[in-house]
Amino acid sequence: MSGDVQAYLIRFSRTKDNGSWRVRLQNAYDNEVHHFPSEKDLFLFLKDRLALNYIIDPQHDAQLPTSPEG
């Protein structure tokens, strides 16, 4: 799978005790499954997966990805 495309199936289910959400995330390419105790944990996971650092290249006026070190 290319890093340019990510696809997931997300299943939300409410708990009976306090009505909070539990989340199951399945990768559409390799069927890898992740479980999260809340939607907030899911969003943090996805944010990390999708995060890219960009710099501006003044010669080409384009955004280029940077390494995690900066």
PDB file of N, CA and C in Angstrom:
ATOM      1  N   MET A   1       0.844  -1.188   0.000  1.00  0.00           N
ATOM      2  CA  MET A   1       0.000   0.000   0.000  1.00  0.00           C
ATOM      3  C   MET A   1       0.872   1.227   0.000  1.00  0.00           C
ATOM      4  N   SER A   2       0.544   2.153  -0.838  1.00  0.00           N
ATOM      5  CA  SER A   2       1.256   3.416  -0.892  1.00  0.00           C
ATOM      6  C   SER A   2       0.914   4.262   0.315  1.00  0.00           C
ATOM      7  N   GLY A   3       1.849   5.097   0.753  1.00  0.00           N
ATOM      8  CA  GLY A   3       1.591   6.011   1.852  1.00  0.00           C
ATOM      9  C   GLY A   3       0.631   7.130   1.468  1.00  0.00           C
ATOM     10  N   ASP A   4       0.338   7.262   0.164  1.00  0.00           N
ATOM     11  CA  ASP A   4      -0.544   8.327  -0.308  1.00  0.00           C
ATOM     12  C   ASP A   4      -2.022   7.998  -0.138  1.00  0.00           C
ATOM     13  N   VAL A   5      -2.344   6.732   0.094  1.00  0.00           N
ATOM     14  CA  VAL A   5      -3.737   6.319   0.236  1.00  0.00           C
ATOM     15  C   VAL A   5      -3.873   5.425   1.463  1.00  0.00           C
ATOM     16  N   GLN A   6      -4.844   5.740   2.286  1.00  0.00           N
ATOM     17  CA  GLN A   6      -5.178   4.899   3.427  1.00  0.00           C
ATOM     18  C   GLN A   6      -6.690   4.733   3.448  1.00  0.00           C
ATOM     19  N   ALA A   7      -7.148   3.516   3.671  1.00  0.00           N
ATOM     20  CA  ALA A   7      -8.586   3.249   3.699  1.00  0.00           C
ATOM     21  C   ALA A   7      -8.903   2.370   4.901  1.00  0.00           C
ATOM     22  N   TYR A   8      -9.954   2.727   5.623  1.00  0.00           N
ATOM     23  CA  TYR A   8     -10.329   2.016   6.836  1.00  0.00           C
ATOM     24  C   TYR A   8     -11.836   1.821   6.892  1.00  0.00           C
ATOM     25  N   LEU A   9     -12.239   0.740   7.525  1.00  0.00           N
ATOM     26  CA  LEU A   9     -13.624   0.521   7.903  1.00  0.00           C
ATOM     27  C   LEU A   9     -13.699   0.782   9.398  1.00  0.00           C
ATOM     28  N   ILE A  10     -14.603   1.664   9.809  1.00  0.00           N
ATOM     29  CA  ILE A  10     -14.722   2.041  11.218  1.00  0.00           C
ATOM     30  C   ILE A  10     -16.068   1.576  11.747  1.00  0.00           C
ATOM     31  N   ARG A  11     -16.049   0.906  12.889  1.00  0.00           N
ATOM     32  CA  ARG A  11     -17.287   0.472  13.536  1.00  0.00           C
ATOM     33  C   ARG A  11     -17.344   1.091  14.923  1.00  0.00           C
ATOM     34  N   PHE A  12     -18.399   1.847  15.182  1.00  0.00           N
ATOM     35  CA  PHE A  12     -18.647   2.439  16.497  1.00  0.00           C
ATOM     36  C   PHE A  12     -19.734   1.634  17.193  1.00  0.00           C
ATOM     37  N   SER A  13     -19.539   1.325  18.469  1.00  0.00           N
ATOM     38  CA  SER A  13     -20.598   0.658  19.237  1.00  0.00           C
ATOM     39  C   SER A  13     -20.642   1.259  20.640  1.00  0.00           C
ATOM     40  N   ARG A  14     -21.865   1.501  21.099  1.00  0.00           N
ATOM     41  CA  ARG A  14     -22.055   2.097  22.434  1.00  0.00           C
ATOM     42  C   ARG A  14     -21.964   1.024  23.493  1.00  0.00           C
ATOM     43  N   THR A  15     -21.329   1.385  24.612  1.00  0.00           N
ATOM     44  CA  THR A  15     -21.303   0.481  25.754  1.00  0.00           C
ATOM     45  C   THR A  15     -22.630   0.592  26.492  1.00  0.00           C
ATOM     46  N   LYS A  16     -23.045  -0.484  27.137  1.00  0.00           N
ATOM     47  CA  LYS A  16     -24.326  -0.482  27.848  1.00  0.00           C
ATOM     48  C   LYS A  16     -24.235   0.230  29.191  1.00  0.00           C
ATOM     49  N   ASP A  17     -23.052   0.227  29.778  1.00  0.00           N
ATOM     50  CA  ASP A  17     -22.928   0.791  31.128  1.00  0.00           C
ATOM     51  C   ASP A  17     -23.060   2.313  31.169  1.00  0.00           C
ATOM     52  N   ASN A  18     -22.272   3.026  30.368  1.00  0.00           N
ATOM     53  CA  ASN A  18     -22.331   4.491  30.443  1.00  0.00           C
ATOM     54  C   ASN A  18     -22.582   5.161  29.096  1.00  0.00           C
ATOM     55  N   GLY A  19     -22.823   4.385  28.050  1.00  0.00           N
ATOM     56  CA  GLY A  19     -23.148   4.961  26.749  1.00  0.00           C
ATOM     57  C   GLY A  19     -21.974   5.534  25.989  1.00  0.00           C
ATOM     58  N   SER A  20     -20.753   5.286  26.457  1.00  0.00           N
ATOM     59  CA  SER A  20     -19.586   5.778  25.725  1.00  0.00           C
ATOM     60  C   SER A  20     -19.376   4.919  24.479  1.00  0.00           C
ATOM     61  N   TRP A  21     -18.561   5.406  23.588  1.00  0.00           N
ATOM     62  CA  TRP A  21     -18.302   4.709  22.331  1.00  0.00           C
ATOM     63  C   TRP A  21     -17.048   3.858  22.421  1.00  0.00           C
ATOM     64  N   ARG A  22     -17.132   2.655  21.891  1.00  0.00           N
ATOM     65  CA  ARG A  22     -15.957   1.825  21.625  1.00  0.00           C
ATOM     66  C   ARG A  22     -15.811   1.790  20.110  1.00  0.00           C
ATOM     67  N   VAL A  23     -14.560   1.650  19.650  1.00  0.00           N
ATOM     68  CA  VAL A  23     -14.315   1.765  18.220  1.00  0.00           C
ATOM     69  C   VAL A  23     -13.444   0.609  17.733  1.00  0.00           C
ATOM     70  N   ARG A  24     -13.822   0.066  16.583  1.00  0.00           N
ATOM     71  CA  ARG A  24     -13.025  -0.951  15.893  1.00  0.00           C
ATOM     72  C   ARG A  24     -12.648  -0.376  14.540  1.00  0.00           C
ATOM     73  N   LEU A  25     -11.361  -0.379  14.229  1.00  0.00           N
ATOM     74  CA  LEU A  25     -10.848   0.169  12.974  1.00  0.00           C
ATOM     75  C   LEU A  25     -10.159  -0.958  12.211  1.00  0.00           C
ATOM     76  N   GLN A  26     -10.583  -1.180  10.970  1.00  0.00           N
ATOM     77  CA  GLN A  26      -9.993  -2.244  10.157  1.00  0.00           C
ATOM     78  C   GLN A  26      -9.396  -1.639   8.901  1.00  0.00           C
ATOM     79  N   ASN A  27      -8.115  -1.948   8.662  1.00  0.00           N
ATOM     80  CA  ASN A  27      -7.437  -1.491   7.462  1.00  0.00           C
ATOM     81  C   ASN A  27      -8.038  -2.220   6.261  1.00  0.00           C
ATOM     82  N   ALA A  28      -8.457  -1.476   5.245  1.00  0.00           N
ATOM     83  CA  ALA A  28      -9.111  -2.060   4.079  1.00  0.00           C
ATOM     84  C   ALA A  28      -8.140  -2.810   3.172  1.00  0.00           C
ATOM     85  N   TYR A  29      -6.845  -2.575   3.328  1.00  0.00           N
ATOM     86  CA  TYR A  29      -5.864  -3.224   2.459  1.00  0.00           C
ATOM     87  C   TYR A  29      -5.339  -4.532   3.034  1.00  0.00           C
ATOM     88  N   ASP A  30      -5.012  -4.548   4.326  1.00  0.00           N
ATOM     89  CA  ASP A  30      -4.411  -5.752   4.901  1.00  0.00           C
ATOM     90  C   ASP A  30      -5.251  -6.365   6.026  1.00  0.00           C
ATOM     91  N   ASN A  31      -6.435  -5.795   6.284  1.00  0.00           N
ATOM     92  CA  ASN A  31      -7.375  -6.274   7.309  1.00  0.00           C
ATOM     93  C   ASN A  31      -6.849  -6.189   8.732  1.00  0.00           C
ATOM     94  N   GLU A  32      -5.766  -5.461   8.948  1.00  0.00           N
ATOM     95  CA  GLU A  32      -5.266  -5.257  10.303  1.00  0.00           C
ATOM     96  C   GLU A  32      -6.346  -4.541  11.118  1.00  0.00           C
ATOM     97  N   VAL A  33      -6.562  -4.991  12.352  1.00  0.00           N
ATOM     98  CA  VAL A  33      -7.629  -4.446  13.189  1.00  0.00           C
ATOM     99  C   VAL A  33      -7.032  -3.782  14.425  1.00  0.00           C
ATOM    100  N   HIS A  34      -7.580  -2.615  14.766  1.00  0.00           N
ATOM    101  CA  HIS A  34      -7.223  -1.893  15.988  1.00  0.00           C
ATOM    102  C   HIS A  34      -8.512  -1.645  16.771  1.00  0.00           C
ATOM    103  N   HIS A  35      -8.437  -1.754  18.084  1.00  0.00           N
ATOM    104  CA  HIS A  35      -9.578  -1.452  18.956  1.00  0.00           C
ATOM    105  C   HIS A  35      -9.231  -0.247  19.817  1.00  0.00           C
ATOM    106  N   PHE A  36     -10.223   0.615  20.015  1.00  0.00           N
ATOM    107  CA  PHE A  36     -10.032   1.828  20.802  1.00  0.00           C
ATOM    108  C   PHE A  36     -11.155   1.945  21.827  1.00  0.00           C
ATOM    109  N   PRO A  37     -10.819   2.362  23.044  1.00  0.00           N
ATOM    110  CA  PRO A  37     -11.841   2.483  24.079  1.00  0.00           C
ATOM    111  C   PRO A  37     -12.739   3.711  23.903  1.00  0.00           C
ATOM    112  N   SER A  38     -12.352   4.630  23.005  1.00  0.00           N
ATOM    113  CA  SER A  38     -13.162   5.833  22.797  1.00  0.00           C
ATOM    114  C   SER A  38     -12.891   6.405  21.412  1.00  0.00           C
ATOM    115  N   GLU A  39     -13.800   7.257  20.968  1.00  0.00           N
ATOM    116  CA  GLU A  39     -13.606   7.916  19.684  1.00  0.00           C
ATOM    117  C   GLU A  39     -12.411   8.861  19.734  1.00  0.00           C
ATOM    118  N   LYS A  40     -12.129   9.448  20.890  1.00  0.00           N
ATOM    119  CA  LYS A  40     -10.967  10.333  21.022  1.00  0.00           C
ATOM    120  C   LYS A  40      -9.674   9.568  20.731  1.00  0.00           C
ATOM    121  N   ASP A  41      -9.567   8.345  21.239  1.00  0.00           N
ATOM    122  CA  ASP A  41      -8.375   7.535  20.980  1.00  0.00           C
ATOM    123  C   ASP A  41      -8.248   7.203  19.498  1.00  0.00           C
ATOM    124  N   LEU A  42      -9.367   6.937  18.844  1.00  0.00           N
ATOM    125  CA  LEU A  42      -9.354   6.695  17.398  1.00  0.00           C
ATOM    126  C   LEU A  42      -8.835   7.921  16.664  1.00  0.00           C
ATOM    127  N   PHE A  43      -9.366   9.101  16.994  1.00  0.00           N
ATOM    128  CA  PHE A  43      -8.958  10.317  16.296  1.00  0.00           C
ATOM    129  C   PHE A  43      -7.479  10.610  16.493  1.00  0.00           C
ATOM    130  N   LEU A  44      -6.958  10.352  17.681  1.00  0.00           N
ATOM    131  CA  LEU A  44      -5.529  10.555  17.924  1.00  0.00           C
ATOM    132  C   LEU A  44      -4.694   9.587  17.087  1.00  0.00           C
ATOM    133  N   PHE A  45      -5.136   8.343  16.982  1.00  0.00           N
ATOM    134  CA  PHE A  45      -4.451   7.355  16.152  1.00  0.00           C
ATOM    135  C   PHE A  45      -4.432   7.796  14.690  1.00  0.00           C
ATOM    136  N   LEU A  46      -5.599   8.198  14.166  1.00  0.00           N
ATOM    137  CA  LEU A  46      -5.680   8.626  12.772  1.00  0.00           C
ATOM    138  C   LEU A  46      -4.860   9.887  12.527  1.00  0.00           C
ATOM    139  N   LYS A  47      -4.873  10.790  13.474  1.00  0.00           N
ATOM    140  CA  LYS A  47      -4.073  12.012  13.338  1.00  0.00           C
ATOM    141  C   LYS A  47      -2.596  11.655  13.194  1.00  0.00           C
ATOM    142  N   ASP A  48      -2.129  10.715  14.001  1.00  0.00           N
ATOM    143  CA  ASP A  48      -0.739  10.285  13.903  1.00  0.00           C
ATOM    144  C   ASP A  48      -0.458   9.616  12.561  1.00  0.00           C
ATOM    145  N   ARG A  49      -1.383   8.802  12.086  1.00  0.00           N
ATOM    146  CA  ARG A  49      -1.197   8.100  10.812  1.00  0.00           C
ATOM    147  C   ARG A  49      -1.180   9.062   9.629  1.00  0.00           C
ATOM    148  N   LEU A  50      -1.948  10.123   9.707  1.00  0.00           N
ATOM    149  CA  LEU A  50      -2.085  11.037   8.575  1.00  0.00           C
ATOM    150  C   LEU A  50      -1.160  12.248   8.646  1.00  0.00           C
ATOM    151  N   ALA A  51      -0.502  12.427   9.778  1.00  0.00           N
ATOM    152  CA  ALA A  51       0.317  13.626   9.981  1.00  0.00           C
ATOM    153  C   ALA A  51       1.509  13.640   9.034  1.00  0.00           C
ATOM    154  N   LEU A  52       1.683  14.756   8.363  1.00  0.00           N
ATOM    155  CA  LEU A  52       2.854  14.999   7.527  1.00  0.00           C
ATOM    156  C   LEU A  52       3.392  16.377   7.870  1.00  0.00           C
ATOM    157  N   ASN A  53       4.692  16.483   7.926  1.00  0.00           N
ATOM    158  CA  ASN A  53       5.324  17.785   8.138  1.00  0.00           C
ATOM    159  C   ASN A  53       5.728  18.335   6.777  1.00  0.00           C
ATOM    160  N   TYR A  54       5.412  19.589   6.520  1.00  0.00           N
ATOM    161  CA  TYR A  54       5.722  20.193   5.237  1.00  0.00           C
ATOM    162  C   TYR A  54       6.607  21.411   5.409  1.00  0.00           C
ATOM    163  N   ILE A  55       7.447  21.625   4.405  1.00  0.00           N
ATOM    164  CA  ILE A  55       8.201  22.863   4.289  1.00  0.00           C
ATOM    165  C   ILE A  55       7.874  23.444   2.923  1.00  0.00           C
ATOM    166  N   ILE A  56       8.092  24.713   2.755  1.00  0.00           N
ATOM    167  CA  ILE A  56       7.868  25.356   1.465  1.00  0.00           C
ATOM    168  C   ILE A  56       9.208  25.489   0.745  1.00  0.00           C
ATOM    169  N   ASP A  57       9.260  25.017  -0.489  1.00  0.00           N
ATOM    170  CA  ASP A  57      10.444  25.162  -1.326  1.00  0.00           C
ATOM    171  C   ASP A  57      10.271  26.448  -2.128  1.00  0.00           C
ATOM    172  N   PRO A  58      10.990  27.512  -1.761  1.00  0.00           N
ATOM    173  CA  PRO A  58      10.779  28.803  -2.434  1.00  0.00           C
ATOM    174  C   PRO A  58      11.100  28.777  -3.921  1.00  0.00           C
ATOM    175  N   GLN A  59      11.999  27.903  -4.379  1.00  0.00           N
ATOM    176  CA  GLN A  59      12.337  27.847  -5.800  1.00  0.00           C
ATOM    177  C   GLN A  59      11.193  27.264  -6.618  1.00  0.00           C
ATOM    178  N   HIS A  60      10.445  26.340  -6.051  1.00  0.00           N
ATOM    179  CA  HIS A  60       9.389  25.680  -6.806  1.00  0.00           C
ATOM    180  C   HIS A  60       7.999  26.026  -6.289  1.00  0.00           C
ATOM    181  N   ASP A  61       7.938  26.815  -5.204  1.00  0.00           N
ATOM    182  CA  ASP A  61       6.665  27.210  -4.613  1.00  0.00           C
ATOM    183  C   ASP A  61       5.790  25.985  -4.370  1.00  0.00           C
ATOM    184  N   ALA A  62       6.410  24.933  -3.861  1.00  0.00           N
ATOM    185  CA  ALA A  62       5.684  23.690  -3.612  1.00  0.00           C
ATOM    186  C   ALA A  62       5.938  23.235  -2.194  1.00  0.00           C
ATOM    187  N   GLN A  63       5.037  22.434  -1.683  1.00  0.00           N
ATOM    188  CA  GLN A  63       5.214  21.868  -0.358  1.00  0.00           C
ATOM    189  C   GLN A  63       5.922  20.535  -0.486  1.00  0.00           C
ATOM    190  N   LEU A  64       6.972  20.375   0.323  1.00  0.00           N
ATOM    191  CA  LEU A  64       7.726  19.128   0.322  1.00  0.00           C
ATOM    192  C   LEU A  64       7.680  18.523   1.704  1.00  0.00           C
ATOM    193  N   PRO A  65       7.500  17.206   1.803  1.00  0.00           N
ATOM    194  CA  PRO A  65       7.514  16.590   3.124  1.00  0.00           C
ATOM    195  C   PRO A  65       8.891  16.658   3.754  1.00  0.00           C
ATOM    196  N   THR A  66       8.928  16.837   5.050  1.00  0.00           N
ATOM    197  CA  THR A  66      10.179  16.855   5.790  1.00  0.00           C
ATOM    198  C   THR A  66      10.309  15.577   6.591  1.00  0.00           C
ATOM    199  N   SER A  67      11.483  15.325   7.050  1.00  0.00           N
ATOM    200  CA  SER A  67      11.697  14.172   7.917  1.00  0.00           C
ATOM    201  C   SER A  67      11.150  14.498   9.304  1.00  0.00           C
ATOM    202  N   PRO A  68      10.867  13.487  10.128  1.00  0.00           N
ATOM    203  CA  PRO A  68      10.351  13.747  11.479  1.00  0.00           C
ATOM    204  C   PRO A  68      11.301  14.580  12.334  1.00  0.00           C
ATOM    205  N   GLU A  69      12.605  14.559  11.999  1.00  0.00           N
ATOM    206  CA  GLU A  69      13.571  15.326  12.778  1.00  0.00           C
ATOM    207  C   GLU A  69      13.498  16.801  12.472  1.00  0.00           C
ATOM    208  N   GLY A  70      12.790  17.185  11.402  1.00  0.00           N
ATOM    209  CA  GLY A  70      12.640  18.593  11.099  1.00  0.00           C
ATOM    210  C   GLY A  70      13.338  18.949   9.850  1.00  0.00           C
TER     211      GLY A  70
END
